[in-house]
Amino acid sequence: MNPYEVLGVSENASDEEIKKAYRELVKKYHPDKYVNNPLADLAAEKIKEINLAYDTITNKEQAPQALTTHTNLHTITVMRILQM
């Protein structure tokens, strides 16, 4: 997985461009938009991929720990939303 491709930015993108792309994708695939939707599982997987890509780019030194923690917290959040 190329995190830059996931976010749709070049490897030379500025921090601001990366943040903007991340925010747009999170808005598009946020689990709240897919409640009671057959695409909810797909959106949840996509948001995980987006979060992983953003964390990889922004926290290169701390990526392994940050990604594990973030992914686990996000998975719990998504599961709670889907159970509502």
PDB file of N, CA and C in Angstrom:
ATOM      1  N   MET A   1       0.847  -1.179   0.000  1.00  0.00           N
ATOM      2  CA  MET A   1       0.000   0.000   0.000  1.00  0.00           C
ATOM      3  C   MET A   1       0.894   1.244   0.000  1.00  0.00           C
ATOM      4  N   ASN A   2       0.659   2.094  -0.954  1.00  0.00           N
ATOM      5  CA  ASN A   2       1.344   3.381  -0.990  1.00  0.00           C
ATOM      6  C   ASN A   2       0.428   4.399  -0.322  1.00  0.00           C
ATOM      7  N   PRO A   3       0.810   4.919   0.837  1.00  0.00           N
ATOM      8  CA  PRO A   3      -0.075   5.824   1.566  1.00  0.00           C
ATOM      9  C   PRO A   3      -0.402   7.101   0.788  1.00  0.00           C
ATOM     10  N   TYR A   4       0.510   7.525  -0.055  1.00  0.00           N
ATOM     11  CA  TYR A   4       0.266   8.731  -0.843  1.00  0.00           C
ATOM     12  C   TYR A   4      -0.819   8.481  -1.898  1.00  0.00           C
ATOM     13  N   GLU A   5      -0.800   7.288  -2.493  1.00  0.00           N
ATOM     14  CA  GLU A   5      -1.835   6.928  -3.465  1.00  0.00           C
ATOM     15  C   GLU A   5      -3.204   6.822  -2.795  1.00  0.00           C
ATOM     16  N   VAL A   6      -3.224   6.243  -1.594  1.00  0.00           N
ATOM     17  CA  VAL A   6      -4.486   6.106  -0.855  1.00  0.00           C
ATOM     18  C   VAL A   6      -5.126   7.474  -0.642  1.00  0.00           C
ATOM     19  N   LEU A   7      -4.294   8.461  -0.270  1.00  0.00           N
ATOM     20  CA  LEU A   7      -4.815   9.807  -0.026  1.00  0.00           C
ATOM     21  C   LEU A   7      -4.963  10.620  -1.310  1.00  0.00           C
ATOM     22  N   GLY A   8      -4.432  10.107  -2.416  1.00  0.00           N
ATOM     23  CA  GLY A   8      -4.564  10.803  -3.684  1.00  0.00           C
ATOM     24  C   GLY A   8      -3.668  12.028  -3.804  1.00  0.00           C
ATOM     25  N   VAL A   9      -2.495  11.978  -3.173  1.00  0.00           N
ATOM     26  CA  VAL A   9      -1.546  13.093  -3.230  1.00  0.00           C
ATOM     27  C   VAL A   9      -0.194  12.579  -3.712  1.00  0.00           C
ATOM     28  N   SER A  10       0.651  13.500  -4.169  1.00  0.00           N
ATOM     29  CA  SER A  10       1.988  13.110  -4.601  1.00  0.00           C
ATOM     30  C   SER A  10       2.893  12.967  -3.384  1.00  0.00           C
ATOM     31  N   GLU A  11       4.003  12.287  -3.583  1.00  0.00           N
ATOM     32  CA  GLU A  11       4.953  12.112  -2.485  1.00  0.00           C
ATOM     33  C   GLU A  11       5.622  13.430  -2.109  1.00  0.00           C
ATOM     34  N   ASN A  12       5.484  14.426  -2.956  1.00  0.00           N
ATOM     35  CA  ASN A  12       6.043  15.751  -2.681  1.00  0.00           C
ATOM     36  C   ASN A  12       4.997  16.705  -2.098  1.00  0.00           C
ATOM     37  N   ALA A  13       3.827  16.192  -1.773  1.00  0.00           N
ATOM     38  CA  ALA A  13       2.743  17.038  -1.272  1.00  0.00           C
ATOM     39  C   ALA A  13       3.135  17.695   0.047  1.00  0.00           C
ATOM     40  N   SER A  14       2.644  18.907   0.233  1.00  0.00           N
ATOM     41  CA  SER A  14       2.905  19.620   1.488  1.00  0.00           C
ATOM     42  C   SER A  14       2.044  19.018   2.600  1.00  0.00           C
ATOM     43  N   ASP A  15       2.404  19.344   3.836  1.00  0.00           N
ATOM     44  CA  ASP A  15       1.608  18.875   4.975  1.00  0.00           C
ATOM     45  C   ASP A  15       0.161  19.339   4.849  1.00  0.00           C
ATOM     46  N   GLU A  16      -0.026  20.554   4.372  1.00  0.00           N
ATOM     47  CA  GLU A  16      -1.377  21.102   4.224  1.00  0.00           C
ATOM     48  C   GLU A  16      -2.170  20.341   3.160  1.00  0.00           C
ATOM     49  N   GLU A  17      -1.535  19.983   2.049  1.00  0.00           N
ATOM     50  CA  GLU A  17      -2.206  19.211   0.998  1.00  0.00           C
ATOM     51  C   GLU A  17      -2.584  17.821   1.492  1.00  0.00           C
ATOM     52  N   ILE A  18      -1.699  17.222   2.260  1.00  0.00           N
ATOM     53  CA  ILE A  18      -1.973  15.893   2.823  1.00  0.00           C
ATOM     54  C   ILE A  18      -3.148  15.965   3.790  1.00  0.00           C
ATOM     55  N   LYS A  19      -3.127  16.958   4.657  1.00  0.00           N
ATOM     56  CA  LYS A  19      -4.217  17.127   5.629  1.00  0.00           C
ATOM     57  C   LYS A  19      -5.552  17.375   4.931  1.00  0.00           C
ATOM     58  N   LYS A  20      -5.538  18.205   3.894  1.00  0.00           N
ATOM     59  CA  LYS A  20      -6.768  18.510   3.153  1.00  0.00           C
ATOM     60  C   LYS A  20      -7.326  17.245   2.488  1.00  0.00           C
ATOM     61  N   ALA A  21      -6.465  16.478   1.844  1.00  0.00           N
ATOM     62  CA  ALA A  21      -6.905  15.246   1.184  1.00  0.00           C
ATOM     63  C   ALA A  21      -7.465  14.264   2.213  1.00  0.00           C
ATOM     64  N   TYR A  22      -6.798  14.153   3.349  1.00  0.00           N
ATOM     65  CA  TYR A  22      -7.254  13.263   4.415  1.00  0.00           C
ATOM     66  C   TYR A  22      -8.645  13.661   4.899  1.00  0.00           C
ATOM     67  N   ARG A  23      -8.827  14.932   5.168  1.00  0.00           N
ATOM     68  CA  ARG A  23     -10.122  15.409   5.661  1.00  0.00           C
ATOM     69  C   ARG A  23     -11.248  15.161   4.655  1.00  0.00           C
ATOM     70  N   GLU A  24     -10.969  15.388   3.389  1.00  0.00           N
ATOM     71  CA  GLU A  24     -11.986  15.165   2.364  1.00  0.00           C
ATOM     72  C   GLU A  24     -12.385  13.690   2.301  1.00  0.00           C
ATOM     73  N   LEU A  25     -11.400  12.804   2.366  1.00  0.00           N
ATOM     74  CA  LEU A  25     -11.697  11.373   2.310  1.00  0.00           C
ATOM     75  C   LEU A  25     -12.431  10.896   3.558  1.00  0.00           C
ATOM     76  N   VAL A  26     -12.057  11.425   4.719  1.00  0.00           N
ATOM     77  CA  VAL A  26     -12.737  11.040   5.960  1.00  0.00           C
ATOM     78  C   VAL A  26     -14.203  11.471   5.904  1.00  0.00           C
ATOM     79  N   LYS A  27     -14.456  12.660   5.394  1.00  0.00           N
ATOM     80  CA  LYS A  27     -15.843  13.122   5.256  1.00  0.00           C
ATOM     81  C   LYS A  27     -16.618  12.208   4.310  1.00  0.00           C
ATOM     82  N   LYS A  28     -15.975  11.810   3.226  1.00  0.00           N
ATOM     83  CA  LYS A  28     -16.640  10.976   2.214  1.00  0.00           C
ATOM     84  C   LYS A  28     -16.973   9.581   2.747  1.00  0.00           C
ATOM     85  N   TYR A  29     -16.079   8.986   3.518  1.00  0.00           N
ATOM     86  CA  TYR A  29     -16.251   7.597   3.954  1.00  0.00           C
ATOM     87  C   TYR A  29     -16.577   7.444   5.436  1.00  0.00           C
ATOM     88  N   HIS A  30     -16.901   8.522   6.112  1.00  0.00           N
ATOM     89  CA  HIS A  30     -17.165   8.446   7.557  1.00  0.00           C
ATOM     90  C   HIS A  30     -18.309   7.466   7.841  1.00  0.00           C
ATOM     91  N   PRO A  31     -18.151   6.621   8.851  1.00  0.00           N
ATOM     92  CA  PRO A  31     -19.164   5.604   9.166  1.00  0.00           C
ATOM     93  C   PRO A  31     -20.558   6.177   9.441  1.00  0.00           C
ATOM     94  N   ASP A  32     -20.653   7.386   9.953  1.00  0.00           N
ATOM     95  CA  ASP A  32     -21.963   7.982  10.220  1.00  0.00           C
ATOM     96  C   ASP A  32     -22.788   8.148   8.942  1.00  0.00           C
ATOM     97  N   LYS A  33     -22.124   8.264   7.814  1.00  0.00           N
ATOM     98  CA  LYS A  33     -22.836   8.409   6.546  1.00  0.00           C
ATOM     99  C   LYS A  33     -23.348   7.074   6.016  1.00  0.00           C
ATOM    100  N   TYR A  34     -22.900   5.981   6.613  1.00  0.00           N
ATOM    101  CA  TYR A  34     -23.241   4.653   6.094  1.00  0.00           C
ATOM    102  C   TYR A  34     -24.028   3.796   7.084  1.00  0.00           C
ATOM    103  N   VAL A  35     -24.650   4.426   8.056  1.00  0.00           N
ATOM    104  CA  VAL A  35     -25.479   3.683   9.000  1.00  0.00           C
ATOM    105  C   VAL A  35     -26.676   3.113   8.237  1.00  0.00           C
ATOM    106  N   ASN A  36     -26.978   1.845   8.476  1.00  0.00           N
ATOM    107  CA  ASN A  36     -28.077   1.147   7.793  1.00  0.00           C
ATOM    108  C   ASN A  36     -27.901   1.164   6.275  1.00  0.00           C
ATOM    109  N   ASN A  37     -26.678   1.099   5.823  1.00  0.00           N
ATOM    110  CA  ASN A  37     -26.366   1.112   4.399  1.00  0.00           C
ATOM    111  C   ASN A  37     -25.605  -0.173   4.076  1.00  0.00           C
ATOM    112  N   PRO A  38     -25.944  -0.836   2.976  1.00  0.00           N
ATOM    113  CA  PRO A  38     -25.238  -2.076   2.637  1.00  0.00           C
ATOM    114  C   PRO A  38     -23.742  -1.869   2.374  1.00  0.00           C
ATOM    115  N   LEU A  39     -23.329  -0.635   2.164  1.00  0.00           N
ATOM    116  CA  LEU A  39     -21.919  -0.346   1.919  1.00  0.00           C
ATOM    117  C   LEU A  39     -21.149   0.004   3.193  1.00  0.00           C
ATOM    118  N   ALA A  40     -21.764  -0.167   4.344  1.00  0.00           N
ATOM    119  CA  ALA A  40     -21.144   0.208   5.615  1.00  0.00           C
ATOM    120  C   ALA A  40     -19.818  -0.517   5.839  1.00  0.00           C
ATOM    121  N   ASP A  41     -19.769  -1.809   5.542  1.00  0.00           N
ATOM    122  CA  ASP A  41     -18.533  -2.566   5.746  1.00  0.00           C
ATOM    123  C   ASP A  41     -17.419  -2.067   4.827  1.00  0.00           C
ATOM    124  N   LEU A  42     -17.775  -1.781   3.600  1.00  0.00           N
ATOM    125  CA  LEU A  42     -16.797  -1.258   2.646  1.00  0.00           C
ATOM    126  C   LEU A  42     -16.273   0.103   3.096  1.00  0.00           C
ATOM    127  N   ALA A  43     -17.172   0.965   3.550  1.00  0.00           N
ATOM    128  CA  ALA A  43     -16.770   2.288   4.039  1.00  0.00           C
ATOM    129  C   ALA A  43     -15.872   2.167   5.267  1.00  0.00           C
ATOM    130  N   ALA A  44     -16.174   1.229   6.148  1.00  0.00           N
ATOM    131  CA  ALA A  44     -15.357   1.021   7.348  1.00  0.00           C
ATOM    132  C   ALA A  44     -13.946   0.571   6.970  1.00  0.00           C
ATOM    133  N   GLU A  45     -13.842  -0.303   5.996  1.00  0.00           N
ATOM    134  CA  GLU A  45     -12.526  -0.746   5.534  1.00  0.00           C
ATOM    135  C   GLU A  45     -11.769   0.401   4.874  1.00  0.00           C
ATOM    136  N   LYS A  46     -12.477   1.198   4.103  1.00  0.00           N
ATOM    137  CA  LYS A  46     -11.846   2.332   3.421  1.00  0.00           C
ATOM    138  C   LYS A  46     -11.336   3.353   4.443  1.00  0.00           C
ATOM    139  N   ILE A  47     -12.112   3.627   5.474  1.00  0.00           N
ATOM    140  CA  ILE A  47     -11.694   4.608   6.473  1.00  0.00           C
ATOM    141  C   ILE A  47     -10.465   4.092   7.230  1.00  0.00           C
ATOM    142  N   LYS A  48     -10.388   2.786   7.474  1.00  0.00           N
ATOM    143  CA  LYS A  48      -9.198   2.208   8.105  1.00  0.00           C
ATOM    144  C   LYS A  48      -7.974   2.438   7.222  1.00  0.00           C
ATOM    145  N   GLU A  49      -8.145   2.196   5.942  1.00  0.00           N
ATOM    146  CA  GLU A  49      -7.048   2.378   4.991  1.00  0.00           C
ATOM    147  C   GLU A  49      -6.602   3.844   4.943  1.00  0.00           C
ATOM    148  N   ILE A  50      -7.566   4.749   4.955  1.00  0.00           N
ATOM    149  CA  ILE A  50      -7.270   6.187   4.934  1.00  0.00           C
ATOM    150  C   ILE A  50      -6.521   6.593   6.200  1.00  0.00           C
ATOM    151  N   ASN A  51      -7.002   6.151   7.354  1.00  0.00           N
ATOM    152  CA  ASN A  51      -6.344   6.470   8.627  1.00  0.00           C
ATOM    153  C   ASN A  51      -4.927   5.895   8.686  1.00  0.00           C
ATOM    154  N   LEU A  52      -4.775   4.679   8.217  1.00  0.00           N
ATOM    155  CA  LEU A  52      -3.463   4.046   8.200  1.00  0.00           C
ATOM    156  C   LEU A  52      -2.505   4.838   7.304  1.00  0.00           C
ATOM    157  N   ALA A  53      -2.960   5.236   6.140  1.00  0.00           N
ATOM    158  CA  ALA A  53      -2.130   6.011   5.216  1.00  0.00           C
ATOM    159  C   ALA A  53      -1.726   7.342   5.830  1.00  0.00           C
ATOM    160  N   TYR A  54      -2.678   8.038   6.414  1.00  0.00           N
ATOM    161  CA  TYR A  54      -2.388   9.346   7.022  1.00  0.00           C
ATOM    162  C   TYR A  54      -1.405   9.200   8.179  1.00  0.00           C
ATOM    163  N   ASP A  55      -1.642   8.211   9.027  1.00  0.00           N
ATOM    164  CA  ASP A  55      -0.735   7.976  10.154  1.00  0.00           C
ATOM    165  C   ASP A  55       0.663   7.606   9.672  1.00  0.00           C
ATOM    166  N   THR A  56       0.752   6.810   8.636  1.00  0.00           N
ATOM    167  CA  THR A  56       2.046   6.408   8.100  1.00  0.00           C
ATOM    168  C   THR A  56       2.826   7.621   7.605  1.00  0.00           C
ATOM    169  N   ILE A  57       2.151   8.512   6.915  1.00  0.00           N
ATOM    170  CA  ILE A  57       2.814   9.692   6.374  1.00  0.00           C
ATOM    171  C   ILE A  57       3.202  10.668   7.475  1.00  0.00           C
ATOM    172  N   THR A  58       2.310  10.915   8.407  1.00  0.00           N
ATOM    173  CA  THR A  58       2.548  11.962   9.406  1.00  0.00           C
ATOM    174  C   THR A  58       3.367  11.504  10.604  1.00  0.00           C
ATOM    175  N   ASN A  59       3.444  10.222  10.850  1.00  0.00           N
ATOM    176  CA  ASN A  59       4.162   9.707  12.030  1.00  0.00           C
ATOM    177  C   ASN A  59       5.174   8.645  11.649  1.00  0.00           C
ATOM    178  N   LYS A  60       6.015   8.942  10.699  1.00  0.00           N
ATOM    179  CA  LYS A  60       6.922   7.917  10.179  1.00  0.00           C
ATOM    180  C   LYS A  60       7.761   7.240  11.257  1.00  0.00           C
ATOM    181  N   GLU A  61       8.257   7.991  12.226  1.00  0.00           N
ATOM    182  CA  GLU A  61       9.077   7.369  13.265  1.00  0.00           C
ATOM    183  C   GLU A  61       8.237   6.538  14.225  1.00  0.00           C
ATOM    184  N   GLN A  62       7.021   6.993  14.495  1.00  0.00           N
ATOM    185  CA  GLN A  62       6.176   6.326  15.480  1.00  0.00           C
ATOM    186  C   GLN A  62       5.091   5.483  14.829  1.00  0.00           C
ATOM    187  N   ALA A  63       5.168   5.262  13.550  1.00  0.00           N
ATOM    188  CA  ALA A  63       4.103   4.615  12.801  1.00  0.00           C
ATOM    189  C   ALA A  63       3.645   3.273  13.366  1.00  0.00           C
ATOM    190  N   PRO A  64       4.522   2.316  13.660  1.00  0.00           N
ATOM    191  CA  PRO A  64       4.012   1.024  14.125  1.00  0.00           C
ATOM    192  C   PRO A  64       3.135   1.116  15.370  1.00  0.00           C
ATOM    193  N   GLN A  65       3.564   1.863  16.380  1.00  0.00           N
ATOM    194  CA  GLN A  65       2.762   1.992  17.592  1.00  0.00           C
ATOM    195  C   GLN A  65       1.504   2.804  17.338  1.00  0.00           C
ATOM    196  N   ALA A  66       1.638   3.918  16.662  1.00  0.00           N
ATOM    197  CA  ALA A  66       0.498   4.793  16.419  1.00  0.00           C
ATOM    198  C   ALA A  66      -0.548   4.097  15.568  1.00  0.00           C
ATOM    199  N   LEU A  67      -0.114   3.343  14.566  1.00  0.00           N
ATOM    200  CA  LEU A  67      -1.061   2.685  13.677  1.00  0.00           C
ATOM    201  C   LEU A  67      -1.844   1.604  14.411  1.00  0.00           C
ATOM    202  N   THR A  68      -1.172   0.840  15.235  1.00  0.00           N
ATOM    203  CA  THR A  68      -1.862  -0.202  15.980  1.00  0.00           C
ATOM    204  C   THR A  68      -2.888   0.406  16.923  1.00  0.00           C
ATOM    205  N   THR A  69      -2.503   1.398  17.677  1.00  0.00           N
ATOM    206  CA  THR A  69      -3.409   2.051  18.621  1.00  0.00           C
ATOM    207  C   THR A  69      -4.566   2.704  17.892  1.00  0.00           C
ATOM    208  N   HIS A  70      -4.271   3.455  16.846  1.00  0.00           N
ATOM    209  CA  HIS A  70      -5.313   4.166  16.113  1.00  0.00           C
ATOM    210  C   HIS A  70      -6.286   3.185  15.462  1.00  0.00           C
ATOM    211  N   THR A  71      -5.763   2.138  14.841  1.00  0.00           N
ATOM    212  CA  THR A  71      -6.620   1.161  14.174  1.00  0.00           C
ATOM    213  C   THR A  71      -7.526   0.478  15.180  1.00  0.00           C
ATOM    214  N   ASN A  72      -6.999   0.104  16.333  1.00  0.00           N
ATOM    215  CA  ASN A  72      -7.821  -0.551  17.349  1.00  0.00           C
ATOM    216  C   ASN A  72      -8.915   0.381  17.859  1.00  0.00           C
ATOM    217  N   LEU A  73      -8.575   1.628  18.146  1.00  0.00           N
ATOM    218  CA  LEU A  73      -9.573   2.582  18.623  1.00  0.00           C
ATOM    219  C   LEU A  73     -10.627   2.853  17.560  1.00  0.00           C
ATOM    220  N   HIS A  74     -10.198   2.972  16.317  1.00  0.00           N
ATOM    221  CA  HIS A  74     -11.150   3.234  15.238  1.00  0.00           C
ATOM    222  C   HIS A  74     -12.077   2.038  15.036  1.00  0.00           C
ATOM    223  N   THR A  75     -11.542   0.838  15.102  1.00  0.00           N
ATOM    224  CA  THR A  75     -12.359  -0.363  14.937  1.00  0.00           C
ATOM    225  C   THR A  75     -13.432  -0.423  16.013  1.00  0.00           C
ATOM    226  N   ILE A  76     -13.080  -0.126  17.245  1.00  0.00           N
ATOM    227  CA  ILE A  76     -14.052  -0.114  18.340  1.00  0.00           C
ATOM    228  C   ILE A  76     -15.126   0.930  18.077  1.00  0.00           C
ATOM    229  N   THR A  77     -14.728   2.110  17.617  1.00  0.00           N
ATOM    230  CA  THR A  77     -15.693   3.183  17.330  1.00  0.00           C
ATOM    231  C   THR A  77     -16.651   2.762  16.240  1.00  0.00           C
ATOM    232  N   VAL A  78     -16.129   2.201  15.161  1.00  0.00           N
ATOM    233  CA  VAL A  78     -16.976   1.768  14.051  1.00  0.00           C
ATOM    234  C   VAL A  78     -17.939   0.692  14.501  1.00  0.00           C
ATOM    235  N   MET A  79     -17.456  -0.253  15.293  1.00  0.00           N
ATOM    236  CA  MET A  79     -18.324  -1.337  15.761  1.00  0.00           C
ATOM    237  C   MET A  79     -19.457  -0.785  16.628  1.00  0.00           C
ATOM    238  N   ARG A  80     -19.158   0.183  17.455  1.00  0.00           N
ATOM    239  CA  ARG A  80     -20.198   0.784  18.303  1.00  0.00           C
ATOM    240  C   ARG A  80     -21.233   1.511  17.453  1.00  0.00           C
ATOM    241  N   ILE A  81     -20.770   2.206  16.440  1.00  0.00           N
ATOM    242  CA  ILE A  81     -21.697   2.941  15.570  1.00  0.00           C
ATOM    243  C   ILE A  81     -22.590   1.961  14.817  1.00  0.00           C
ATOM    244  N   LEU A  82     -22.019   0.888  14.328  1.00  0.00           N
ATOM    245  CA  LEU A  82     -22.794  -0.080  13.555  1.00  0.00           C
ATOM    246  C   LEU A  82     -23.796  -0.833  14.426  1.00  0.00           C
ATOM    247  N   GLN A  83     -23.542  -0.927  15.720  1.00  0.00           N
ATOM    248  CA  GLN A  83     -24.462  -1.624  16.620  1.00  0.00           C
ATOM    249  C   GLN A  83     -25.640  -0.757  17.020  1.00  0.00           C
ATOM    250  N   MET A  84     -25.535   0.536  16.786  1.00  0.00           N
ATOM    251  CA  MET A  84     -26.622   1.446  17.197  1.00  0.00           C
ATOM    252  C   MET A  84     -27.853   1.247  16.350  1.00  0.00           C
TER     253      MET A  84
END
